[in-house]
Amino acid sequence: MKKKLLVLASTFPTSADNIQPEFVKTLSHILADRFETTVLVPHAPCAPMKERVGNLKVVRYRYFLEAGETLAYGSGILNNLKTDRWKWLLVPFFFLGQILAMVRLLRKERFDHIHAHWIIPQGIVAVIARAFVKSPPGLLVTSHGGDLFAMQGKLGTSLKKWVLKRADKITVVSSVMKQYCVSKLNIDPDSISVVSMGVDLKAQFVIRPELTRNPLGLIFVGRLVEKKGVVYLVRAMPVVLSRYPGARLTVIGDGVLKEGLMAEARRLQVSDRISFLGAIHNSQIPGYLSQNVISVVPSVVSASGDQEGLGLVAVEAIGCGCCVVASALPALKDVITHEVTGMLAVPESPEDIAINICNLLENPDKARRLAASARDDALGKFDWSVVGELYGNLVESLPVEGIKNV
């Protein structure tokens, strides 16, 4: 008989055509091959309260009137709070709804393990809810970056430390995150494993020889929020176009900065060479990546301290045969080695982004060589077959009864 696993997350695709990130769903499906898996996530307007999604049981909890349940989806909780200040009123209801739902599940079924995605809020909820059951399941907490690097004030830091010291095991998606946990939060390094999320590099994000790759095509994929640094890529375009007038940038993604970025492109008189396509379904992204030669990941550290946990979008681009130009942030260095598996540019520097792009456009053989090297490297590190096995082993190693203290 399979052991029972409860997965907690802030977002989960609400339908087959939903454009929410799918890494929680994909990993949960993989883990369901080894564990009887239930996923507990917030409700969203029009989403079913309970459903079977493949081999997963999905339970959604209510936390407000249905039309107002808008905290967790879209651009993500942190960006939703920044954009609509009134949504802070939803936060206590969100926590309470999740705690009550989790306690009900833990009392109704005997779960052996819990996997909480994000320290805040799911990690907090898991620690509190376990205090209300006799034999609390072992707890694995996974941080994806924003939850660790944002909220760096005294309260946020105390909450993160409180959760992580009560988890039985911790995973972070990059080495810089582990360093942060050890140096800033005083967490035992032996309790932390660096295990990224995965990418399907064997069936989905693959090179598609039937598609024509534009030799001057550039692409960005991601949310249009501050930490993605898209404004610096837009500002790099005048320099790129001065040398390669035929270059074209495709921007895929939506977010609070979209209108401002389009206005900046008009101000710089490059709007006719940049296509803002908005958010598209995940299944369409590989096709767009396969039609461009360079994927740019111009991420920065935001004013709040938020930054990339890893940058799997770079791995997705690598899988499709793009050469990547990325900001030289610590997390992205886990994916890109300069001049070996891609190019690293100075963060917040349009000039350096442009120099690196032009270097590759001028040397297409180099771009192809770096792209091929990057794909070979990524297959051994980031494919779901590798990542899923690591997470399965970590969950299996959790204690039958975890730490119980608040």
Protein backbone atom coordinates (compact mmCIF):
# COMPACT_ATOMS: atom_id res chain seq x y z
CA MET A 1 0.00 0.00 0.00
CA LYS A 2 1.28 3.47 -0.91
CA LYS A 3 2.02 5.98 1.81
CA LYS A 4 -0.14 9.11 1.79
CA LEU A 5 1.30 12.50 0.83
CA LEU A 6 -0.37 15.90 1.29
CA VAL A 7 0.94 18.65 -0.99
CA LEU A 8 0.29 22.32 -0.15
CA ALA A 9 0.64 25.09 -2.73
CA SER A 10 -0.62 28.60 -3.51
CA THR A 11 -1.51 27.94 -7.15
CA PHE A 12 -2.55 25.01 -9.27
CA PRO A 13 -3.96 25.10 -12.83
CA THR A 14 -7.74 25.31 -12.56
CA SER A 15 -8.42 23.81 -16.00
CA ALA A 16 -6.62 22.25 -18.98
CA ASP A 17 -6.35 25.62 -20.73
CA ASN A 18 -5.22 27.55 -17.63
CA ILE A 19 -1.95 29.50 -17.95
CA GLN A 20 -0.75 29.11 -14.33
CA PRO A 21 2.77 27.64 -13.89
CA GLU A 22 2.59 23.85 -13.84
CA PHE A 23 5.64 22.79 -11.81
CA VAL A 24 3.63 21.96 -8.67
CA LYS A 25 1.19 19.93 -10.75
CA THR A 26 3.94 18.10 -12.65
CA LEU A 27 5.98 17.24 -9.56
CA SER A 28 2.85 16.10 -7.72
CA HIS A 29 1.97 13.79 -10.62
CA ILE A 30 5.46 12.28 -10.48
CA LEU A 31 5.26 11.82 -6.71
CA ALA A 32 1.83 10.18 -7.11
CA ASP A 33 3.58 7.22 -8.75
CA ARG A 34 5.13 6.52 -5.33
CA PHE A 35 2.59 8.04 -2.92
CA GLU A 36 -1.18 8.41 -2.72
CA THR A 37 -1.16 12.17 -3.28
CA THR A 38 -3.67 14.87 -2.31
CA VAL A 39 -3.05 18.50 -3.31
CA LEU A 40 -4.57 21.26 -1.16
CA VAL A 41 -4.76 24.64 -2.93
CA PRO A 42 -6.86 27.83 -2.71
CA HIS A 43 -10.12 28.05 -4.55
CA ALA A 44 -10.50 30.37 -7.53
CA PRO A 45 -13.67 31.66 -9.18
CA CYS A 46 -15.45 28.92 -11.19
CA ALA A 47 -12.97 26.20 -10.14
CA PRO A 48 -14.35 22.93 -8.72
CA MET A 49 -13.95 22.37 -4.99
CA LYS A 50 -12.77 18.77 -5.49
CA GLU A 51 -11.62 16.87 -8.54
CA ARG A 52 -9.38 14.10 -9.81
CA VAL A 53 -6.60 15.34 -12.07
CA GLY A 54 -4.95 12.25 -13.46
CA ASN A 55 -3.55 10.37 -10.48
CA LEU A 56 -4.04 13.32 -8.10
CA LYS A 57 -6.83 14.21 -5.73
CA VAL A 58 -7.18 18.02 -5.75
CA VAL A 59 -8.97 19.78 -2.89
CA ARG A 60 -9.59 23.54 -3.01
CA TYR A 61 -10.46 25.55 0.09
CA ARG A 62 -12.70 28.62 0.25
CA TYR A 63 -11.40 31.72 1.97
CA PHE A 64 -13.77 34.49 0.83
CA LEU A 65 -16.80 35.19 -1.34
CA GLU A 66 -16.11 33.43 -4.65
CA ALA A 67 -15.72 36.58 -6.77
CA GLY A 68 -13.18 37.93 -4.29
CA GLU A 69 -10.94 34.85 -4.19
CA THR A 70 -8.25 36.56 -6.27
CA LEU A 71 -5.25 36.62 -3.95
CA ALA A 72 -3.30 33.58 -5.10
CA TYR A 73 -3.50 33.39 -8.88
CA GLY A 74 -2.53 35.72 -11.76
CA SER A 75 0.83 37.37 -11.06
CA GLY A 76 1.27 35.61 -7.71
CA ILE A 77 0.46 36.62 -4.13
CA LEU A 78 3.26 39.16 -3.63
CA ASN A 79 2.60 40.99 -6.88
CA ASN A 80 -1.16 40.86 -6.38
CA LEU A 81 -0.68 42.55 -3.00
CA LYS A 82 1.53 45.23 -4.55
CA THR A 83 -0.92 45.94 -7.33
CA ASP A 84 -4.16 45.92 -5.32
CA ARG A 85 -3.57 47.05 -1.75
CA TRP A 86 -7.11 46.10 -0.76
CA LYS A 87 -6.15 42.44 -1.17
CA TRP A 88 -4.23 42.66 2.09
CA LEU A 89 -7.71 42.34 3.64
CA LEU A 90 -7.85 38.83 2.18
CA VAL A 91 -4.63 37.66 3.85
CA PRO A 92 -6.06 36.68 7.29
CA PHE A 93 -8.99 34.88 5.62
CA PHE A 94 -6.54 33.11 3.31
CA PHE A 95 -4.46 31.82 6.23
CA LEU A 96 -7.51 30.83 8.27
CA GLY A 97 -9.18 29.06 5.34
CA GLN A 98 -6.05 27.07 4.59
CA ILE A 99 -5.40 26.13 8.23
CA LEU A 100 -8.98 24.93 8.75
CA ALA A 101 -8.94 22.94 5.51
CA MET A 102 -5.62 21.32 6.37
CA VAL A 103 -6.65 20.42 9.92
CA ARG A 104 -9.85 18.83 8.57
CA LEU A 105 -7.83 16.76 6.09
CA LEU A 106 -5.27 15.68 8.68
CA ARG A 107 -8.03 14.57 11.06
CA LYS A 108 -10.02 12.84 8.32
CA GLU A 109 -7.12 10.92 6.76
CA ARG A 110 -3.83 9.58 8.09
CA PHE A 111 -1.20 11.28 5.96
CA ASP A 112 2.37 10.05 6.27
CA HIS A 113 4.11 13.07 4.73
CA ILE A 114 3.49 16.74 3.93
CA HIS A 115 5.19 18.70 1.15
CA ALA A 116 4.66 22.46 1.50
CA HIS A 117 5.59 24.62 -1.48
CA TRP A 118 6.73 28.08 -0.31
CA ILE A 119 7.72 29.01 3.23
CA ILE A 120 5.07 31.72 3.36
CA PRO A 121 2.19 31.02 3.49
CA GLN A 122 2.11 27.20 3.15
CA GLY A 123 5.04 26.52 5.48
CA ILE A 124 3.45 28.60 8.25
CA VAL A 125 0.11 26.85 7.74
CA ALA A 126 1.71 23.39 7.83
CA VAL A 127 3.55 24.07 11.09
CA ILE A 128 0.41 25.45 12.77
CA ALA A 129 -1.93 22.73 11.47
CA ARG A 130 0.37 19.92 12.60
CA ALA A 131 -0.03 21.17 16.18
CA PHE A 132 -3.71 20.20 16.05
CA VAL A 133 -3.17 16.49 15.32
CA LYS A 134 -1.84 13.72 17.55
CA SER A 135 0.77 12.25 15.23
CA PRO A 136 1.86 14.98 12.81
CA PRO A 137 3.25 13.80 9.47
CA GLY A 138 6.84 14.55 8.53
CA LEU A 139 7.21 17.93 6.79
CA LEU A 140 9.25 18.88 3.73
CA VAL A 141 9.25 22.62 2.94
CA THR A 142 10.35 23.80 -0.51
CA SER A 143 11.29 27.43 -1.13
CA HIS A 144 11.14 28.70 -4.70
CA GLY A 145 12.92 32.03 -4.20
CA GLY A 146 10.41 34.83 -3.90
CA ASP A 147 9.22 33.54 -0.54
CA LEU A 148 12.79 33.48 0.76
CA PHE A 149 14.28 36.65 -0.71
CA ALA A 150 11.25 38.91 -0.28
CA MET A 151 9.90 40.09 3.09
CA GLN A 152 13.33 40.82 4.54
CA GLY A 153 12.07 42.92 7.44
CA LYS A 154 12.21 41.77 11.03
CA LEU A 155 8.78 40.08 10.96
CA GLY A 156 9.33 38.34 7.63
CA THR A 157 12.76 37.09 8.65
CA SER A 158 11.44 35.80 11.98
CA LEU A 159 8.57 33.95 10.27
CA LYS A 160 10.88 32.28 7.74
CA LYS A 161 13.29 31.20 10.47
CA TRP A 162 10.40 29.92 12.62
CA VAL A 163 9.05 27.72 9.80
CA LEU A 164 12.36 26.35 8.56
CA LYS A 165 13.56 25.39 12.03
CA ARG A 166 10.39 23.30 12.44
CA ALA A 167 10.56 21.54 9.08
CA ASP A 168 11.98 18.03 9.03
CA LYS A 169 13.64 18.66 5.67
CA ILE A 170 14.07 21.71 3.45
CA THR A 171 14.70 22.07 -0.26
CA VAL A 172 15.73 25.21 -2.09
CA VAL A 173 16.06 25.51 -5.84
CA SER A 174 19.52 27.08 -6.04
CA SER A 175 22.80 27.12 -4.13
CA VAL A 176 22.54 30.85 -3.37
CA MET A 177 19.29 30.15 -1.53
CA LYS A 178 20.98 27.59 0.69
CA GLN A 179 23.72 30.10 1.49
CA TYR A 180 21.04 32.64 2.42
CA CYS A 181 19.26 30.17 4.73
CA VAL A 182 22.51 29.32 6.51
CA SER A 183 23.99 32.82 6.79
CA LYS A 184 20.85 34.95 7.27
CA LEU A 185 18.44 32.57 8.99
CA ASN A 186 20.92 30.37 10.91
CA ILE A 187 19.46 27.14 9.51
CA ASP A 188 21.45 23.90 9.84
CA PRO A 189 22.99 23.29 6.38
CA ASP A 190 22.57 19.53 6.80
CA SER A 191 18.78 19.96 6.79
CA ILE A 192 18.83 21.77 3.41
CA SER A 193 19.04 20.11 0.00
CA VAL A 194 19.47 22.05 -3.26
CA VAL A 195 16.97 20.50 -5.66
CA SER A 196 15.45 22.59 -8.44
CA MET A 197 12.07 22.18 -10.03
CA GLY A 198 12.23 20.34 -13.33
CA VAL A 199 11.61 20.80 -17.03
CA ASP A 200 10.45 18.17 -19.51
CA LEU A 201 13.51 18.18 -21.76
CA LYS A 202 12.65 14.90 -23.48
CA ALA A 203 9.16 15.50 -24.85
CA GLN A 204 8.00 19.11 -24.34
CA PHE A 205 10.94 21.52 -24.36
CA VAL A 206 12.84 19.98 -27.24
CA ILE A 207 14.41 21.18 -30.48
CA ARG A 208 11.86 21.18 -33.27
CA PRO A 209 13.67 20.89 -36.61
CA GLU A 210 10.42 21.35 -38.53
CA LEU A 211 10.23 24.95 -37.31
CA THR A 212 12.36 27.67 -38.90
CA ARG A 213 14.55 29.53 -36.42
CA ASN A 214 14.88 33.27 -37.09
CA PRO A 215 18.66 33.97 -37.01
CA LEU A 216 17.91 37.45 -35.63
CA GLY A 217 15.09 36.40 -33.33
CA LEU A 218 15.17 37.27 -29.61
CA ILE A 219 12.65 36.12 -27.01
CA PHE A 220 11.72 36.77 -23.40
CA VAL A 221 9.30 34.54 -21.47
CA GLY A 222 8.09 35.37 -17.98
CA ARG A 223 5.89 37.54 -15.81
CA LEU A 224 6.20 41.27 -16.45
CA VAL A 225 7.16 42.23 -12.92
CA GLU A 226 10.12 44.15 -11.49
CA LYS A 227 12.44 41.24 -10.69
CA LYS A 228 12.30 39.97 -14.29
CA GLY A 229 14.17 43.10 -15.44
CA VAL A 230 12.43 43.34 -18.82
CA VAL A 231 12.82 47.11 -18.92
CA TYR A 232 16.60 46.66 -19.32
CA LEU A 233 16.07 44.36 -22.28
CA VAL A 234 13.76 46.90 -23.91
CA ARG A 235 16.39 49.59 -23.33
CA ALA A 236 19.03 47.33 -24.91
CA MET A 237 17.08 47.10 -28.16
CA PRO A 238 18.16 50.45 -29.70
CA VAL A 239 21.82 49.33 -29.55
CA VAL A 240 21.00 45.87 -30.94
CA LEU A 241 18.91 47.36 -33.75
CA SER A 242 21.62 49.87 -34.65
CA ARG A 243 23.82 46.89 -35.59
CA TYR A 244 21.14 44.40 -36.63
CA PRO A 245 18.11 46.31 -37.96
CA GLY A 246 16.36 43.03 -38.75
CA ALA A 247 16.37 41.83 -35.16
CA ARG A 248 12.99 41.26 -33.52
CA LEU A 249 12.12 40.70 -29.85
CA THR A 250 9.11 38.62 -28.81
CA VAL A 251 7.89 39.18 -25.23
CA ILE A 252 5.64 36.46 -23.84
CA GLY A 253 4.00 37.07 -20.49
CA ASP A 254 1.70 39.42 -18.65
CA GLY A 255 1.94 41.45 -15.50
CA VAL A 256 1.64 44.80 -13.82
CA LEU A 257 4.46 46.38 -15.85
CA LYS A 258 3.15 45.53 -19.31
CA GLU A 259 1.73 48.97 -20.17
CA GLY A 260 4.84 50.72 -18.87
CA LEU A 261 7.12 48.48 -20.93
CA MET A 262 5.10 49.13 -24.06
CA ALA A 263 5.30 52.86 -23.37
CA GLU A 264 9.09 52.60 -22.92
CA ALA A 265 9.37 50.80 -26.26
CA ARG A 266 7.44 53.62 -27.93
CA ARG A 267 9.62 56.24 -26.23
CA LEU A 268 12.75 54.53 -27.53
CA GLN A 269 11.17 54.17 -30.99
CA VAL A 270 11.61 50.39 -31.03
CA SER A 271 7.98 49.34 -30.58
CA ASP A 272 7.76 48.18 -34.21
CA ARG A 273 10.51 45.61 -33.46
CA ILE A 274 9.03 44.27 -30.20
CA SER A 275 5.93 42.06 -30.06
CA PHE A 276 4.16 41.91 -26.70
CA LEU A 277 2.07 38.74 -26.98
CA GLY A 278 0.75 38.60 -23.41
CA ALA A 279 0.32 35.34 -21.53
CA ILE A 280 -0.06 32.18 -23.58
CA HIS A 281 -0.71 28.56 -22.71
CA ASN A 282 2.32 26.58 -21.58
CA SER A 283 1.93 24.16 -24.48
CA GLN A 284 2.59 26.98 -26.96
CA ILE A 285 5.82 28.24 -25.42
CA PRO A 286 8.16 25.58 -26.91
CA GLY A 287 7.03 26.53 -30.41
CA TYR A 288 7.92 30.19 -29.89
CA LEU A 289 11.26 29.33 -28.27
CA SER A 290 12.11 27.05 -31.19
CA GLN A 291 11.62 29.90 -33.66
CA ASN A 292 14.14 32.24 -31.99
CA VAL A 293 17.90 32.01 -31.66
CA ILE A 294 18.49 33.86 -28.36
CA SER A 295 16.47 33.78 -25.15
CA VAL A 296 17.16 36.71 -22.82
CA VAL A 297 16.69 36.43 -19.04
CA PRO A 298 17.48 39.97 -17.76
CA SER A 299 16.48 39.37 -14.13
CA VAL A 300 17.38 41.78 -11.32
CA VAL A 301 17.08 42.09 -7.56
CA SER A 302 13.92 44.11 -6.94
CA ALA A 303 13.67 47.02 -4.52
CA SER A 304 12.08 44.68 -1.95
CA GLY A 305 14.99 42.23 -2.23
CA ASP A 306 13.00 39.69 -4.26
CA GLN A 307 14.97 37.85 -6.93
CA GLU A 308 14.99 34.68 -8.99
CA GLY A 309 15.15 31.42 -7.08
CA LEU A 310 16.61 29.69 -10.13
CA GLY A 311 15.15 30.79 -13.46
CA LEU A 312 13.72 27.66 -15.05
CA VAL A 313 12.66 29.72 -18.05
CA ALA A 314 16.34 29.64 -19.04
CA VAL A 315 16.29 25.83 -18.86
CA GLU A 316 13.13 25.73 -20.99
CA ALA A 317 14.82 27.89 -23.62
CA ILE A 318 17.92 25.72 -23.53
CA GLY A 319 15.77 22.66 -24.08
CA CYS A 320 14.40 24.21 -27.27
CA GLY A 321 17.86 24.99 -28.63
CA CYS A 322 18.09 28.69 -27.77
CA CYS A 323 21.32 30.25 -26.64
CA VAL A 324 20.68 32.11 -23.38
CA VAL A 325 21.83 35.59 -22.37
CA ALA A 326 21.09 35.92 -18.65
CA SER A 327 21.85 38.35 -15.87
CA ALA A 328 24.82 37.31 -13.76
CA LEU A 329 22.73 36.79 -10.64
CA PRO A 330 23.87 34.00 -8.31
CA ALA A 331 20.81 31.80 -8.95
CA LEU A 332 21.16 32.03 -12.73
CA LYS A 333 24.79 30.97 -12.43
CA ASP A 334 23.42 27.57 -11.36
CA VAL A 335 22.07 27.29 -14.91
CA ILE A 336 24.47 29.30 -17.07
CA THR A 337 28.27 29.20 -17.09
CA HIS A 338 29.59 32.20 -19.02
CA GLU A 339 31.00 31.33 -22.44
CA VAL A 340 30.36 27.61 -21.76
CA THR A 341 26.59 27.13 -21.63
CA GLY A 342 25.49 30.68 -22.44
CA MET A 343 26.37 34.30 -21.76
CA LEU A 344 26.07 36.27 -18.52
CA ALA A 345 25.45 40.02 -18.57
CA VAL A 346 25.85 42.64 -15.87
CA PRO A 347 22.47 43.00 -14.09
CA GLU A 348 20.55 46.23 -14.80
CA SER A 349 22.88 47.05 -17.70
CA PRO A 350 21.14 47.52 -21.08
CA GLU A 351 24.56 48.14 -22.60
CA ASP A 352 26.00 44.80 -21.46
CA ILE A 353 22.84 42.92 -22.45
CA ALA A 354 23.16 44.46 -25.93
CA ILE A 355 26.88 43.60 -26.16
CA ASN A 356 26.22 39.94 -25.33
CA ILE A 357 23.29 39.70 -27.75
CA CYS A 358 25.31 41.26 -30.56
CA ASN A 359 28.25 38.96 -29.80
CA LEU A 360 26.02 35.95 -30.45
CA LEU A 361 24.30 37.42 -33.50
CA GLU A 362 27.73 38.13 -34.97
CA ASN A 363 28.91 34.58 -34.20
CA PRO A 364 26.07 32.15 -35.01
CA ASP A 365 28.42 29.14 -34.79
CA LYS A 366 29.28 30.16 -31.24
CA ALA A 367 25.60 30.52 -30.38
CA ARG A 368 24.89 27.01 -31.68
CA ARG A 369 27.87 25.57 -29.80
CA LEU A 370 26.83 27.16 -26.50
CA ALA A 371 23.22 26.06 -26.99
CA ALA A 372 24.24 22.45 -27.62
CA SER A 373 26.55 22.41 -24.60
CA ALA A 374 23.81 23.90 -22.41
CA ARG A 375 21.28 21.27 -23.47
CA ASP A 376 23.62 18.40 -22.66
CA ASP A 377 24.30 19.93 -19.25
CA ALA A 378 20.61 20.59 -18.49
CA LEU A 379 19.51 17.04 -19.30
CA GLY A 380 21.54 15.68 -16.42
CA LYS A 381 20.42 18.33 -13.92
CA PHE A 382 16.95 19.63 -14.68
CA ASP A 383 14.92 17.02 -16.53
CA TRP A 384 11.89 15.89 -14.54
CA SER A 385 13.12 12.29 -14.58
CA VAL A 386 16.10 13.40 -12.47
CA VAL A 387 14.30 15.95 -10.30
CA GLY A 388 11.29 13.72 -9.59
CA GLU A 389 13.49 10.90 -8.36
CA LEU A 390 15.32 13.24 -5.98
CA TYR A 391 12.09 14.63 -4.51
CA GLY A 392 10.60 11.16 -4.18
CA ASN A 393 13.62 10.01 -2.21
CA LEU A 394 13.46 13.08 0.05
CA VAL A 395 9.78 12.56 0.82
CA GLU A 396 10.40 8.85 1.46
CA SER A 397 13.13 9.74 3.96
CA LEU A 398 10.89 11.99 6.07
CA PRO A 399 10.23 10.70 9.58
CA VAL A 400 6.94 8.87 10.08
CA GLU A 401 6.09 11.38 12.77
CA GLY A 402 7.60 14.82 12.34
CA ILE A 403 8.52 17.61 14.69
CA LYS A 404 5.52 18.92 16.64
CA ASN A 405 6.09 22.29 18.23
CA VAL A 406 5.06 25.86 17.60
